[in-house]
Amino acid sequence: MTADVSESPRLEVRDATPRDFAQILALNAESVHFLSPLDLPRLGHLHAQAAYHRVIDGENGIAAFLLAFRENTDYDSPNYRWFVGHAQKFLYIDRVVVAAGERGCGLGARLYADIIAFAAAAGVAQLACEFDLQPPNPASAKFHARFGFREAGRQWLRGGSKQVSLQVRDVDGAQSGIIASRKSGENK
């Protein structure tokens, strides 16, 4: 199943609203093995803190969403906090979720193109995110490599049962204070 994401009006990226929260929570639950769980109060708090929280509507409701935060936000994610300690100015992609029935149709790419444009317009030097190394998430690794992300560090979470690759991508070639690559043996 392929879709021309640039031509389909149903694939318009729009700002998320509280009316979308039930569907966003359902999508998050579908992919919770790669994400942290969300409930309504937590989603409300994150939405209020987010610099970017957008969705794509599909035929059966919300088909995808992306949630991202600027530096100096009241967010307790250990991955976000890693970037706070290593960067001065960034936009952290906390989660991007595409409905199971919509995967492979370019919705994640559409959201990433939109957030890259958003970051450039906001003068943000780098996008930041992470994906799982243990347990492995090769689809996310491939997707992020396609968008020019590179590893800036690694960290273990959940008592050593989960390892993530902390990734960065320059926006419009701007420079920032994030380290360019992980030093051998560094585990912050």
C-alpha atoms as a PDB file:
ATOM      1  CA  MET A   1       0.000   0.000   0.000  1.00  0.00           C
ATOM      2  CA  THR A   2       1.574   3.273  -1.086  1.00  0.00           C
ATOM      3  CA  ALA A   3       0.278   6.770  -0.777  1.00  0.00           C
ATOM      4  CA  ASP A   4       1.386  10.057  -2.262  1.00  0.00           C
ATOM      5  CA  VAL A   5       1.603  11.950   1.007  1.00  0.00           C
ATOM      6  CA  SER A   6       2.144  15.299  -0.693  1.00  0.00           C
ATOM      7  CA  GLU A   7      -1.102  15.194  -2.682  1.00  0.00           C
ATOM      8  CA  SER A   8      -3.692  13.659  -0.370  1.00  0.00           C
ATOM      9  CA  PRO A   9      -5.802  16.250   1.478  1.00  0.00           C
ATOM     10  CA  ARG A  10      -6.684  13.712   4.179  1.00  0.00           C
ATOM     11  CA  LEU A  11      -3.025  13.695   5.142  1.00  0.00           C
ATOM     12  CA  GLU A  12      -2.907  17.298   6.273  1.00  0.00           C
ATOM     13  CA  VAL A  13      -0.765  17.857   9.335  1.00  0.00           C
ATOM     14  CA  ARG A  14      -2.620  19.920  11.933  1.00  0.00           C
ATOM     15  CA  ASP A  15      -2.164  20.934  15.559  1.00  0.00           C
ATOM     16  CA  ALA A  16      -3.443  18.425  18.109  1.00  0.00           C
ATOM     17  CA  THR A  17      -6.264  19.552  20.390  1.00  0.00           C
ATOM     18  CA  PRO A  18      -7.715  18.066  23.582  1.00  0.00           C
ATOM     19  CA  ARG A  19     -10.512  16.606  21.428  1.00  0.00           C
ATOM     20  CA  ASP A  20      -7.849  14.318  19.911  1.00  0.00           C
ATOM     21  CA  PHE A  21      -6.575  12.973  23.224  1.00  0.00           C
ATOM     22  CA  ALA A  22      -8.624   9.746  23.320  1.00  0.00           C
ATOM     23  CA  GLN A  23      -7.378   8.727  19.881  1.00  0.00           C
ATOM     24  CA  ILE A  24      -3.800   9.776  20.682  1.00  0.00           C
ATOM     25  CA  LEU A  25      -3.884   7.632  23.835  1.00  0.00           C
ATOM     26  CA  ALA A  26      -5.181   4.662  21.819  1.00  0.00           C
ATOM     27  CA  LEU A  27      -2.376   5.056  19.261  1.00  0.00           C
ATOM     28  CA  ASN A  28       0.219   5.356  22.015  1.00  0.00           C
ATOM     29  CA  ALA A  29      -1.122   2.168  23.641  1.00  0.00           C
ATOM     30  CA  GLU A  30      -0.717   0.345  20.288  1.00  0.00           C
ATOM     31  CA  SER A  31       3.021   1.085  20.344  1.00  0.00           C
ATOM     32  CA  VAL A  32       3.703   1.177  24.090  1.00  0.00           C
ATOM     33  CA  HIS A  33       6.397  -1.521  23.754  1.00  0.00           C
ATOM     34  CA  PHE A  34       8.574   1.215  22.140  1.00  0.00           C
ATOM     35  CA  LEU A  35       7.198   4.194  24.108  1.00  0.00           C
ATOM     36  CA  SER A  36       6.451   5.166  27.650  1.00  0.00           C
ATOM     37  CA  PRO A  37       2.815   4.727  28.654  1.00  0.00           C
ATOM     38  CA  LEU A  38       0.463   7.702  28.693  1.00  0.00           C
ATOM     39  CA  ASP A  39      -2.737   8.428  30.554  1.00  0.00           C
ATOM     40  CA  LEU A  40      -5.044  11.411  30.151  1.00  0.00           C
ATOM     41  CA  PRO A  41      -3.545  13.630  32.905  1.00  0.00           C
ATOM     42  CA  ARG A  42       0.016  12.994  31.659  1.00  0.00           C
ATOM     43  CA  LEU A  43      -0.958  13.656  28.039  1.00  0.00           C
ATOM     44  CA  GLY A  44      -2.646  16.906  29.083  1.00  0.00           C
ATOM     45  CA  HIS A  45       0.519  17.996  30.890  1.00  0.00           C
ATOM     46  CA  LEU A  46       2.785  17.058  27.958  1.00  0.00           C
ATOM     47  CA  HIS A  47       0.474  18.771  25.461  1.00  0.00           C
ATOM     48  CA  ALA A  48       0.648  21.987  27.500  1.00  0.00           C
ATOM     49  CA  GLN A  49       4.478  21.810  27.590  1.00  0.00           C
ATOM     50  CA  ALA A  50       4.970  20.792  23.947  1.00  0.00           C
ATOM     51  CA  ALA A  51       6.471  23.107  21.371  1.00  0.00           C
ATOM     52  CA  TYR A  52       5.064  20.827  18.670  1.00  0.00           C
ATOM     53  CA  HIS A  53       2.116  18.443  18.975  1.00  0.00           C
ATOM     54  CA  ARG A  54       0.560  17.645  15.627  1.00  0.00           C
ATOM     55  CA  VAL A  55      -1.580  14.918  14.132  1.00  0.00           C
ATOM     56  CA  ILE A  56      -2.557  13.556  10.746  1.00  0.00           C
ATOM     57  CA  ASP A  57      -6.197  12.569  10.264  1.00  0.00           C
ATOM     58  CA  GLY A  58      -6.918   9.319   8.495  1.00  0.00           C
ATOM     59  CA  GLU A  59     -10.137   7.774   7.245  1.00  0.00           C
ATOM     60  CA  ASN A  60     -10.795   6.240  10.673  1.00  0.00           C
ATOM     61  CA  GLY A  61      -9.628   9.089  12.904  1.00  0.00           C
ATOM     62  CA  ILE A  62      -6.115  10.115  13.942  1.00  0.00           C
ATOM     63  CA  ALA A  63      -3.658   8.135  11.828  1.00  0.00           C
ATOM     64  CA  ALA A  64      -0.422   9.544  13.309  1.00  0.00           C
ATOM     65  CA  PHE A  65       0.926  12.043  15.816  1.00  0.00           C
ATOM     66  CA  LEU A  66       4.215  13.602  16.840  1.00  0.00           C
ATOM     67  CA  LEU A  67       5.021  15.248  20.162  1.00  0.00           C
ATOM     68  CA  ALA A  68       8.173  17.383  20.658  1.00  0.00           C
ATOM     69  CA  PHE A  69       9.670  19.695  23.276  1.00  0.00           C
ATOM     70  CA  ARG A  70      12.130  22.577  23.314  1.00  0.00           C
ATOM     71  CA  GLU A  71      14.981  22.848  25.788  1.00  0.00           C
ATOM     72  CA  ASN A  72      14.118  24.204  29.253  1.00  0.00           C
ATOM     73  CA  THR A  73      10.748  22.459  29.435  1.00  0.00           C
ATOM     74  CA  ASP A  74       9.360  20.858  32.574  1.00  0.00           C
ATOM     75  CA  TYR A  75       9.658  17.299  31.262  1.00  0.00           C
ATOM     76  CA  ASP A  76      11.036  14.417  33.314  1.00  0.00           C
ATOM     77  CA  SER A  77      11.970  11.964  30.547  1.00  0.00           C
ATOM     78  CA  PRO A  78      15.514  10.653  31.137  1.00  0.00           C
ATOM     79  CA  ASN A  79      16.191  10.868  27.396  1.00  0.00           C
ATOM     80  CA  TYR A  80      15.016  14.482  27.200  1.00  0.00           C
ATOM     81  CA  ARG A  81      17.081  15.239  30.301  1.00  0.00           C
ATOM     82  CA  TRP A  82      20.172  13.774  28.595  1.00  0.00           C
ATOM     83  CA  PHE A  83      19.814  16.355  25.826  1.00  0.00           C
ATOM     84  CA  VAL A  84      19.239  19.151  28.359  1.00  0.00           C
ATOM     85  CA  GLY A  85      22.637  18.243  29.816  1.00  0.00           C
ATOM     86  CA  HIS A  86      24.366  18.157  26.425  1.00  0.00           C
ATOM     87  CA  ALA A  87      22.808  20.975  24.392  1.00  0.00           C
ATOM     88  CA  GLN A  88      21.859  24.610  24.526  1.00  0.00           C
ATOM     89  CA  LYS A  89      19.144  24.843  21.871  1.00  0.00           C
ATOM     90  CA  PHE A  90      17.233  21.883  20.422  1.00  0.00           C
ATOM     91  CA  LEU A  91      13.824  20.417  19.647  1.00  0.00           C
ATOM     92  CA  TYR A  92      13.386  16.955  21.173  1.00  0.00           C
ATOM     93  CA  ILE A  93      11.088  14.511  19.376  1.00  0.00           C
ATOM     94  CA  ASP A  94       9.580  12.571  22.247  1.00  0.00           C
ATOM     95  CA  ARG A  95       7.363  10.259  20.250  1.00  0.00           C
ATOM     96  CA  VAL A  96       6.070   9.729  16.760  1.00  0.00           C
ATOM     97  CA  VAL A  97       3.323   7.149  16.382  1.00  0.00           C
ATOM     98  CA  VAL A  98       1.613   5.860  13.243  1.00  0.00           C
ATOM     99  CA  ALA A  99      -1.489   3.668  13.429  1.00  0.00           C
ATOM    100  CA  ALA A 100      -0.745   0.021  12.651  1.00  0.00           C
ATOM    101  CA  GLY A 101      -2.998   0.040   9.578  1.00  0.00           C
ATOM    102  CA  GLU A 102      -1.318   3.173   8.205  1.00  0.00           C
ATOM    103  CA  ARG A 103       2.343   2.148   8.533  1.00  0.00           C
ATOM    104  CA  GLY A 104       4.345   2.168   5.333  1.00  0.00           C
ATOM    105  CA  CYS A 105       2.215   4.942   3.798  1.00  0.00           C
ATOM    106  CA  GLY A 106       4.622   7.795   4.503  1.00  0.00           C
ATOM    107  CA  LEU A 107       2.859   9.359   7.491  1.00  0.00           C
ATOM    108  CA  GLY A 108       5.946   9.312   9.714  1.00  0.00           C
ATOM    109  CA  ALA A 109       7.944  10.886   6.873  1.00  0.00           C
ATOM    110  CA  ARG A 110       5.230  13.536   6.447  1.00  0.00           C
ATOM    111  CA  LEU A 111       5.413  14.428  10.151  1.00  0.00           C
ATOM    112  CA  TYR A 112       9.217  14.532  10.059  1.00  0.00           C
ATOM    113  CA  ALA A 113       9.207  16.827   7.019  1.00  0.00           C
ATOM    114  CA  ASP A 114       6.788  19.078   8.896  1.00  0.00           C
ATOM    115  CA  ILE A 115       8.823  19.172  12.116  1.00  0.00           C
ATOM    116  CA  ILE A 116      12.027  19.869  10.191  1.00  0.00           C
ATOM    117  CA  ALA A 117      10.302  22.870   8.556  1.00  0.00           C
ATOM    118  CA  PHE A 118       8.931  23.915  11.967  1.00  0.00           C
ATOM    119  CA  ALA A 119      12.412  23.729  13.535  1.00  0.00           C
ATOM    120  CA  ALA A 120      13.975  25.727  10.700  1.00  0.00           C
ATOM    121  CA  ALA A 121      11.309  28.444  11.008  1.00  0.00           C
ATOM    122  CA  ALA A 122      11.868  28.584  14.782  1.00  0.00           C
ATOM    123  CA  GLY A 123      15.654  28.903  14.370  1.00  0.00           C
ATOM    124  CA  VAL A 124      16.350  25.611  16.142  1.00  0.00           C
ATOM    125  CA  ALA A 125      19.850  24.312  15.389  1.00  0.00           C
ATOM    126  CA  GLN A 126      19.191  20.603  16.002  1.00  0.00           C
ATOM    127  CA  LEU A 127      16.469  18.037  16.297  1.00  0.00           C
ATOM    128  CA  ALA A 128      17.021  15.367  18.941  1.00  0.00           C
ATOM    129  CA  CYS A 129      15.391  11.989  19.565  1.00  0.00           C
ATOM    130  CA  GLU A 130      16.191   8.434  20.577  1.00  0.00           C
ATOM    131  CA  PHE A 131      15.352   4.902  19.581  1.00  0.00           C
ATOM    132  CA  ASP A 132      15.793   1.557  21.282  1.00  0.00           C
ATOM    133  CA  LEU A 133      18.949  -0.477  20.802  1.00  0.00           C
ATOM    134  CA  GLN A 134      17.973  -3.062  23.444  1.00  0.00           C
ATOM    135  CA  PRO A 135      15.431  -4.341  22.723  1.00  0.00           C
ATOM    136  CA  PRO A 136      16.303  -3.498  19.123  1.00  0.00           C
ATOM    137  CA  ASN A 137      14.101  -1.314  16.949  1.00  0.00           C
ATOM    138  CA  PRO A 138      15.717  -1.640  13.491  1.00  0.00           C
ATOM    139  CA  ALA A 139      12.798   0.033  11.695  1.00  0.00           C
ATOM    140  CA  SER A 140      13.291   3.197  13.755  1.00  0.00           C
ATOM    141  CA  ALA A 141      17.066   3.071  13.245  1.00  0.00           C
ATOM    142  CA  LYS A 142      16.603   2.869   9.475  1.00  0.00           C
ATOM    143  CA  PHE A 143      13.939   5.599   9.449  1.00  0.00           C
ATOM    144  CA  HIS A 144      16.102   8.044  11.423  1.00  0.00           C
ATOM    145  CA  ALA A 145      19.194   7.328   9.323  1.00  0.00           C
ATOM    146  CA  ARG A 146      17.130   8.174   6.236  1.00  0.00           C
ATOM    147  CA  PHE A 147      16.451  11.618   7.744  1.00  0.00           C
ATOM    148  CA  GLY A 148      20.119  12.267   8.536  1.00  0.00           C
ATOM    149  CA  PHE A 149      20.092  11.579  12.273  1.00  0.00           C
ATOM    150  CA  ARG A 150      23.345  10.436  13.864  1.00  0.00           C
ATOM    151  CA  GLU A 151      24.211   9.047  17.263  1.00  0.00           C
ATOM    152  CA  ALA A 152      25.305  11.543  19.935  1.00  0.00           C
ATOM    153  CA  GLY A 153      25.287   9.122  22.875  1.00  0.00           C
ATOM    154  CA  ARG A 154      23.752   6.050  24.473  1.00  0.00           C
ATOM    155  CA  GLN A 155      22.193   5.340  27.825  1.00  0.00           C
ATOM    156  CA  TRP A 156      20.763   2.418  29.734  1.00  0.00           C
ATOM    157  CA  LEU A 157      17.302   2.728  31.287  1.00  0.00           C
ATOM    158  CA  ARG A 158      14.939   0.653  33.429  1.00  0.00           C
ATOM    159  CA  GLY A 159      17.668  -0.825  35.580  1.00  0.00           C
ATOM    160  CA  GLY A 160      19.768  -1.865  32.590  1.00  0.00           C
ATOM    161  CA  SER A 161      17.001  -3.675  30.690  1.00  0.00           C
ATOM    162  CA  LYS A 162      16.696  -1.053  27.946  1.00  0.00           C
ATOM    163  CA  GLN A 163      19.377   0.816  26.001  1.00  0.00           C
ATOM    164  CA  VAL A 164      18.672   3.782  23.721  1.00  0.00           C
ATOM    165  CA  SER A 165      20.641   5.527  21.011  1.00  0.00           C
ATOM    166  CA  LEU A 166      20.434   9.303  21.496  1.00  0.00           C
ATOM    167  CA  GLN A 167      20.240  10.873  18.052  1.00  0.00           C
ATOM    168  CA  VAL A 168      20.675  14.384  16.596  1.00  0.00           C
ATOM    169  CA  ARG A 169      20.094  15.983  13.220  1.00  0.00           C
ATOM    170  CA  ASP A 170      21.257  19.444  12.164  1.00  0.00           C
ATOM    171  CA  VAL A 171      18.585  21.777  10.850  1.00  0.00           C
ATOM    172  CA  ASP A 172      19.743  23.815   7.843  1.00  0.00           C
ATOM    173  CA  GLY A 173      23.380  23.122   8.690  1.00  0.00           C
ATOM    174  CA  ALA A 174      23.217  25.199  11.893  1.00  0.00           C
ATOM    175  CA  GLN A 175      25.667  24.416  14.668  1.00  0.00           C
ATOM    176  CA  SER A 176      24.708  23.686  18.266  1.00  0.00           C
ATOM    177  CA  GLY A 177      26.253  22.576  21.520  1.00  0.00           C
ATOM    178  CA  ILE A 178      25.343  18.885  21.190  1.00  0.00           C
ATOM    179  CA  ILE A 179      28.322  16.597  20.892  1.00  0.00           C
ATOM    180  CA  ALA A 180      28.857  15.394  17.345  1.00  0.00           C
ATOM    181  CA  SER A 181      29.309  11.710  18.058  1.00  0.00           C
ATOM    182  CA  ARG A 182      29.500   9.327  20.984  1.00  0.00           C
ATOM    183  CA  LYS A 183      32.993   8.829  22.337  1.00  0.00           C
ATOM    184  CA  SER A 184      34.155   5.254  22.700  1.00  0.00           C
ATOM    185  CA  GLY A 185      33.050   3.837  26.037  1.00  0.00           C
ATOM    186  CA  GLU A 186      30.935   6.858  27.004  1.00  0.00           C
ATOM    187  CA  ASN A 187      27.686   5.910  28.673  1.00  0.00           C
ATOM    188  CA  LYS A 188      25.890   8.966  30.030  1.00  0.00           C
END
